[in-house]
Amino acid sequence: MKELRVLVACGGGIATSTFAATEIAKIAKEHKIPVSISKSPLQDVEAIAKDFDICFTTTKFSKEVGTEIVGVNGLITGIGEDETIDLIVEKLKALSVE
């Protein structure tokens, strides 16, 4: 299983991306999916996302960047958290076997 390059982005690249990155790392470890996680401000996603296998954002992002963008606001708000976790697992598992 290859190590996935994961980008986690939020408005400023500090607070919520740190929390989300920690949660995504726990989820990946629990499912034995190797990941290397980087964080960034949302404004940098367009320029750097192509260097990653997937990008998780804590806020809406709708530009096409050549890498799949997945919203994970449910990790932050707790609203739809279980569905968000299931989506993260689904996406990581799919990428880890490519």
N, C-alpha and C. Protein backbone atom coordinates (compact mmCIF):
# COMPACT_ATOMS: atom_id res chain seq x y z
N MET A 1 0.86 -1.17 0.00
CA MET A 1 0.00 0.00 0.00
C MET A 1 0.90 1.24 0.00
N LYS A 2 0.66 2.12 -0.94
CA LYS A 2 1.51 3.31 -1.04
C LYS A 2 1.10 4.37 -0.02
N GLU A 3 2.08 5.16 0.39
CA GLU A 3 1.79 6.28 1.29
C GLU A 3 1.14 7.39 0.48
N LEU A 4 -0.01 7.86 0.95
CA LEU A 4 -0.73 8.91 0.25
C LEU A 4 -0.26 10.28 0.70
N ARG A 5 -0.13 11.18 -0.25
CA ARG A 5 0.21 12.58 0.05
C ARG A 5 -1.11 13.32 0.20
N VAL A 6 -1.38 13.79 1.41
CA VAL A 6 -2.65 14.41 1.74
C VAL A 6 -2.43 15.87 2.10
N LEU A 7 -3.23 16.74 1.50
CA LEU A 7 -3.21 18.16 1.83
C LEU A 7 -4.49 18.48 2.60
N VAL A 8 -4.34 19.21 3.71
CA VAL A 8 -5.49 19.66 4.49
C VAL A 8 -5.42 21.18 4.53
N ALA A 9 -6.49 21.82 4.09
CA ALA A 9 -6.49 23.28 3.99
C ALA A 9 -7.68 23.90 4.70
N CYS A 10 -7.42 25.06 5.27
CA CYS A 10 -8.48 25.86 5.88
C CYS A 10 -8.21 27.32 5.55
N GLY A 11 -9.06 28.19 6.01
CA GLY A 11 -8.95 29.61 5.69
C GLY A 11 -7.55 30.17 5.88
N GLY A 12 -6.97 29.98 7.05
CA GLY A 12 -5.65 30.54 7.33
C GLY A 12 -4.53 29.52 7.33
N GLY A 13 -4.86 28.25 7.25
CA GLY A 13 -3.83 27.20 7.22
C GLY A 13 -3.26 26.87 8.58
N ILE A 14 -3.94 27.30 9.65
CA ILE A 14 -3.40 27.05 10.99
C ILE A 14 -4.38 26.28 11.88
N ALA A 15 -5.46 26.91 12.27
CA ALA A 15 -6.31 26.36 13.33
C ALA A 15 -7.10 25.12 12.91
N THR A 16 -8.10 25.30 12.06
CA THR A 16 -8.95 24.16 11.75
C THR A 16 -8.23 23.12 10.90
N SER A 17 -7.26 23.53 10.10
CA SER A 17 -6.53 22.53 9.32
C SER A 17 -5.68 21.66 10.24
N THR A 18 -5.18 22.22 11.32
CA THR A 18 -4.40 21.43 12.28
C THR A 18 -5.29 20.40 12.94
N PHE A 19 -6.47 20.83 13.36
CA PHE A 19 -7.42 19.89 13.98
C PHE A 19 -7.82 18.81 12.98
N ALA A 20 -8.20 19.22 11.78
CA ALA A 20 -8.63 18.25 10.76
C ALA A 20 -7.50 17.30 10.39
N ALA A 21 -6.29 17.81 10.26
CA ALA A 21 -5.14 16.97 9.90
C ALA A 21 -4.91 15.91 10.97
N THR A 22 -5.03 16.30 12.24
CA THR A 22 -4.86 15.35 13.34
C THR A 22 -5.92 14.27 13.28
N GLU A 23 -7.17 14.66 13.04
CA GLU A 23 -8.26 13.70 12.96
C GLU A 23 -8.09 12.77 11.75
N ILE A 24 -7.70 13.31 10.62
CA ILE A 24 -7.50 12.50 9.41
C ILE A 24 -6.36 11.52 9.62
N ALA A 25 -5.30 11.95 10.29
CA ALA A 25 -4.18 11.05 10.59
C ALA A 25 -4.65 9.89 11.48
N LYS A 26 -5.48 10.18 12.47
CA LYS A 26 -6.02 9.12 13.36
C LYS A 26 -6.88 8.15 12.56
N ILE A 27 -7.73 8.69 11.70
CA ILE A 27 -8.62 7.86 10.89
C ILE A 27 -7.79 6.95 9.97
N ALA A 28 -6.79 7.53 9.33
CA ALA A 28 -5.94 6.75 8.42
C ALA A 28 -5.20 5.64 9.19
N LYS A 29 -4.67 5.98 10.35
CA LYS A 29 -3.94 4.99 11.15
C LYS A 29 -4.86 3.85 11.58
N GLU A 30 -6.07 4.21 12.00
CA GLU A 30 -7.05 3.21 12.43
C GLU A 30 -7.37 2.23 11.31
N HIS A 31 -7.33 2.71 10.07
CA HIS A 31 -7.64 1.86 8.92
C HIS A 31 -6.39 1.37 8.20
N LYS A 32 -5.24 1.58 8.84
CA LYS A 32 -3.95 1.10 8.32
C LYS A 32 -3.65 1.63 6.92
N ILE A 33 -3.94 2.90 6.73
CA ILE A 33 -3.66 3.57 5.45
C ILE A 33 -2.52 4.56 5.69
N PRO A 34 -1.35 4.33 5.10
CA PRO A 34 -0.23 5.24 5.32
C PRO A 34 -0.44 6.59 4.63
N VAL A 35 -0.28 7.67 5.39
CA VAL A 35 -0.46 9.01 4.85
C VAL A 35 0.67 9.93 5.30
N SER A 36 0.96 10.87 4.47
CA SER A 36 1.85 11.98 4.79
C SER A 36 1.00 13.23 4.62
N ILE A 37 0.78 13.95 5.73
CA ILE A 37 -0.16 15.07 5.71
C ILE A 37 0.57 16.41 5.78
N SER A 38 0.16 17.31 4.90
CA SER A 38 0.64 18.69 4.91
C SER A 38 -0.56 19.61 5.09
N LYS A 39 -0.34 20.79 5.65
CA LYS A 39 -1.42 21.76 5.83
C LYS A 39 -1.10 23.02 5.04
N SER A 40 -2.16 23.74 4.66
CA SER A 40 -1.95 24.99 3.95
C SER A 40 -3.17 25.89 4.09
N PRO A 41 -2.97 27.18 3.81
CA PRO A 41 -4.13 28.06 3.73
C PRO A 41 -4.90 27.75 2.44
N LEU A 42 -6.19 27.97 2.47
CA LEU A 42 -7.04 27.70 1.32
C LEU A 42 -6.55 28.44 0.07
N GLN A 43 -6.02 29.63 0.23
CA GLN A 43 -5.58 30.43 -0.92
C GLN A 43 -4.43 29.79 -1.68
N ASP A 44 -3.71 28.86 -1.05
CA ASP A 44 -2.59 28.20 -1.73
C ASP A 44 -2.98 26.91 -2.44
N VAL A 45 -4.17 26.41 -2.20
CA VAL A 45 -4.59 25.12 -2.74
C VAL A 45 -4.46 25.06 -4.25
N GLU A 46 -4.91 26.07 -4.92
CA GLU A 46 -4.89 26.06 -6.39
C GLU A 46 -3.46 25.85 -6.92
N ALA A 47 -2.48 26.43 -6.25
CA ALA A 47 -1.09 26.34 -6.72
C ALA A 47 -0.41 25.03 -6.34
N ILE A 48 -0.79 24.41 -5.21
CA ILE A 48 -0.02 23.25 -4.73
C ILE A 48 -0.76 21.93 -4.74
N ALA A 49 -2.06 21.93 -4.94
CA ALA A 49 -2.85 20.70 -4.83
C ALA A 49 -2.39 19.61 -5.79
N LYS A 50 -1.88 19.99 -6.94
CA LYS A 50 -1.46 18.99 -7.93
C LYS A 50 -0.33 18.10 -7.42
N ASP A 51 0.35 18.53 -6.35
CA ASP A 51 1.45 17.75 -5.77
C ASP A 51 0.96 16.72 -4.75
N PHE A 52 -0.36 16.62 -4.57
CA PHE A 52 -0.93 15.73 -3.57
C PHE A 52 -1.90 14.76 -4.22
N ASP A 53 -2.15 13.64 -3.50
CA ASP A 53 -3.10 12.64 -3.99
C ASP A 53 -4.54 13.08 -3.75
N ILE A 54 -4.77 13.84 -2.68
CA ILE A 54 -6.10 14.30 -2.33
C ILE A 54 -5.96 15.54 -1.44
N CYS A 55 -6.98 16.37 -1.48
CA CYS A 55 -7.00 17.57 -0.65
C CYS A 55 -8.30 17.62 0.13
N PHE A 56 -8.19 17.72 1.44
CA PHE A 56 -9.35 17.88 2.31
C PHE A 56 -9.41 19.34 2.74
N THR A 57 -10.59 19.94 2.64
CA THR A 57 -10.73 21.34 3.05
C THR A 57 -11.80 21.45 4.14
N THR A 58 -11.60 22.43 5.02
CA THR A 58 -12.57 22.63 6.10
C THR A 58 -13.61 23.68 5.73
N THR A 59 -13.45 24.28 4.56
CA THR A 59 -14.43 25.24 4.05
C THR A 59 -14.69 24.92 2.58
N LYS A 60 -15.71 25.52 2.02
CA LYS A 60 -16.05 25.26 0.62
C LYS A 60 -14.92 25.72 -0.31
N PHE A 61 -14.66 24.88 -1.30
CA PHE A 61 -13.66 25.20 -2.32
C PHE A 61 -14.16 24.56 -3.60
N SER A 62 -14.37 25.37 -4.63
CA SER A 62 -15.00 24.83 -5.84
C SER A 62 -14.17 24.94 -7.11
N LYS A 63 -12.93 25.38 -7.01
CA LYS A 63 -12.10 25.48 -8.22
C LYS A 63 -11.58 24.10 -8.60
N GLU A 64 -11.38 23.91 -9.90
CA GLU A 64 -10.79 22.68 -10.42
C GLU A 64 -9.27 22.81 -10.33
N VAL A 65 -8.63 21.88 -9.63
CA VAL A 65 -7.19 22.00 -9.40
C VAL A 65 -6.40 20.77 -9.85
N GLY A 66 -7.09 19.78 -10.43
CA GLY A 66 -6.39 18.60 -10.90
C GLY A 66 -6.21 17.53 -9.83
N THR A 67 -6.67 17.81 -8.63
CA THR A 67 -6.64 16.87 -7.52
C THR A 67 -8.02 16.90 -6.89
N GLU A 68 -8.50 15.75 -6.45
CA GLU A 68 -9.83 15.72 -5.84
C GLU A 68 -9.84 16.55 -4.55
N ILE A 69 -10.85 17.38 -4.43
CA ILE A 69 -11.06 18.21 -3.24
C ILE A 69 -12.26 17.64 -2.49
N VAL A 70 -12.09 17.36 -1.21
CA VAL A 70 -13.16 16.79 -0.40
C VAL A 70 -13.36 17.68 0.83
N GLY A 71 -14.57 18.14 1.01
CA GLY A 71 -14.89 18.96 2.18
C GLY A 71 -15.06 18.10 3.43
N VAL A 72 -14.42 18.53 4.51
CA VAL A 72 -14.48 17.77 5.77
C VAL A 72 -14.93 18.66 6.93
N ASN A 73 -15.81 19.60 6.63
CA ASN A 73 -16.30 20.52 7.65
C ASN A 73 -16.99 19.78 8.80
N GLY A 74 -17.54 18.61 8.52
CA GLY A 74 -18.19 17.81 9.56
C GLY A 74 -17.26 17.44 10.70
N LEU A 75 -15.96 17.34 10.42
CA LEU A 75 -14.99 17.07 11.49
C LEU A 75 -14.90 18.27 12.44
N ILE A 76 -15.12 19.45 11.92
CA ILE A 76 -14.98 20.68 12.70
C ILE A 76 -16.26 20.98 13.46
N THR A 77 -17.40 20.89 12.77
CA THR A 77 -18.67 21.27 13.37
C THR A 77 -19.34 20.14 14.15
N GLY A 78 -18.99 18.91 13.81
CA GLY A 78 -19.66 17.77 14.42
C GLY A 78 -20.96 17.41 13.72
N ILE A 79 -21.41 18.26 12.81
CA ILE A 79 -22.64 18.01 12.06
C ILE A 79 -22.29 17.09 10.88
N GLY A 80 -22.87 15.90 10.89
CA GLY A 80 -22.55 14.93 9.85
C GLY A 80 -21.16 14.34 10.01
N GLU A 81 -20.67 14.30 11.24
CA GLU A 81 -19.30 13.83 11.48
C GLU A 81 -19.11 12.38 11.06
N ASP A 82 -20.05 11.51 11.38
CA ASP A 82 -19.90 10.09 11.00
C ASP A 82 -19.84 9.92 9.49
N GLU A 83 -20.69 10.65 8.77
CA GLU A 83 -20.68 10.59 7.32
C GLU A 83 -19.37 11.13 6.76
N THR A 84 -18.85 12.18 7.38
CA THR A 84 -17.58 12.77 6.94
C THR A 84 -16.45 11.76 7.14
N ILE A 85 -16.44 11.10 8.28
CA ILE A 85 -15.40 10.09 8.54
C ILE A 85 -15.51 8.95 7.53
N ASP A 86 -16.73 8.50 7.26
CA ASP A 86 -16.92 7.43 6.27
C ASP A 86 -16.40 7.86 4.90
N LEU A 87 -16.65 9.12 4.53
CA LEU A 87 -16.20 9.64 3.25
C LEU A 87 -14.66 9.69 3.19
N ILE A 88 -14.04 10.12 4.27
CA ILE A 88 -12.57 10.16 4.33
C ILE A 88 -12.00 8.76 4.14
N VAL A 89 -12.54 7.80 4.87
CA VAL A 89 -12.08 6.41 4.76
C VAL A 89 -12.25 5.90 3.34
N GLU A 90 -13.42 6.14 2.76
CA GLU A 90 -13.70 5.69 1.39
C GLU A 90 -12.68 6.26 0.41
N LYS A 91 -12.44 7.57 0.50
CA LYS A 91 -11.52 8.23 -0.44
C LYS A 91 -10.09 7.73 -0.25
N LEU A 92 -9.65 7.61 1.01
CA LEU A 92 -8.27 7.16 1.26
C LEU A 92 -8.08 5.71 0.82
N LYS A 93 -9.04 4.86 1.11
CA LYS A 93 -8.92 3.45 0.70
C LYS A 93 -8.85 3.34 -0.82
N ALA A 94 -9.70 4.07 -1.51
CA ALA A 94 -9.70 4.02 -2.97
C ALA A 94 -8.36 4.45 -3.55
N LEU A 95 -7.79 5.50 -2.99
CA LEU A 95 -6.50 6.00 -3.49
C LEU A 95 -5.34 5.08 -3.12
N SER A 96 -5.44 4.42 -1.99
CA SER A 96 -4.32 3.61 -1.52
C SER A 96 -4.10 2.35 -2.34
N VAL A 97 -5.09 1.96 -3.11
CA VAL A 97 -4.95 0.75 -3.92
C VAL A 97 -4.72 1.06 -5.40
N GLU A 98 -4.68 2.33 -5.75
CA GLU A 98 -4.46 2.70 -7.16
C GLU A 98 -3.03 2.44 -7.56
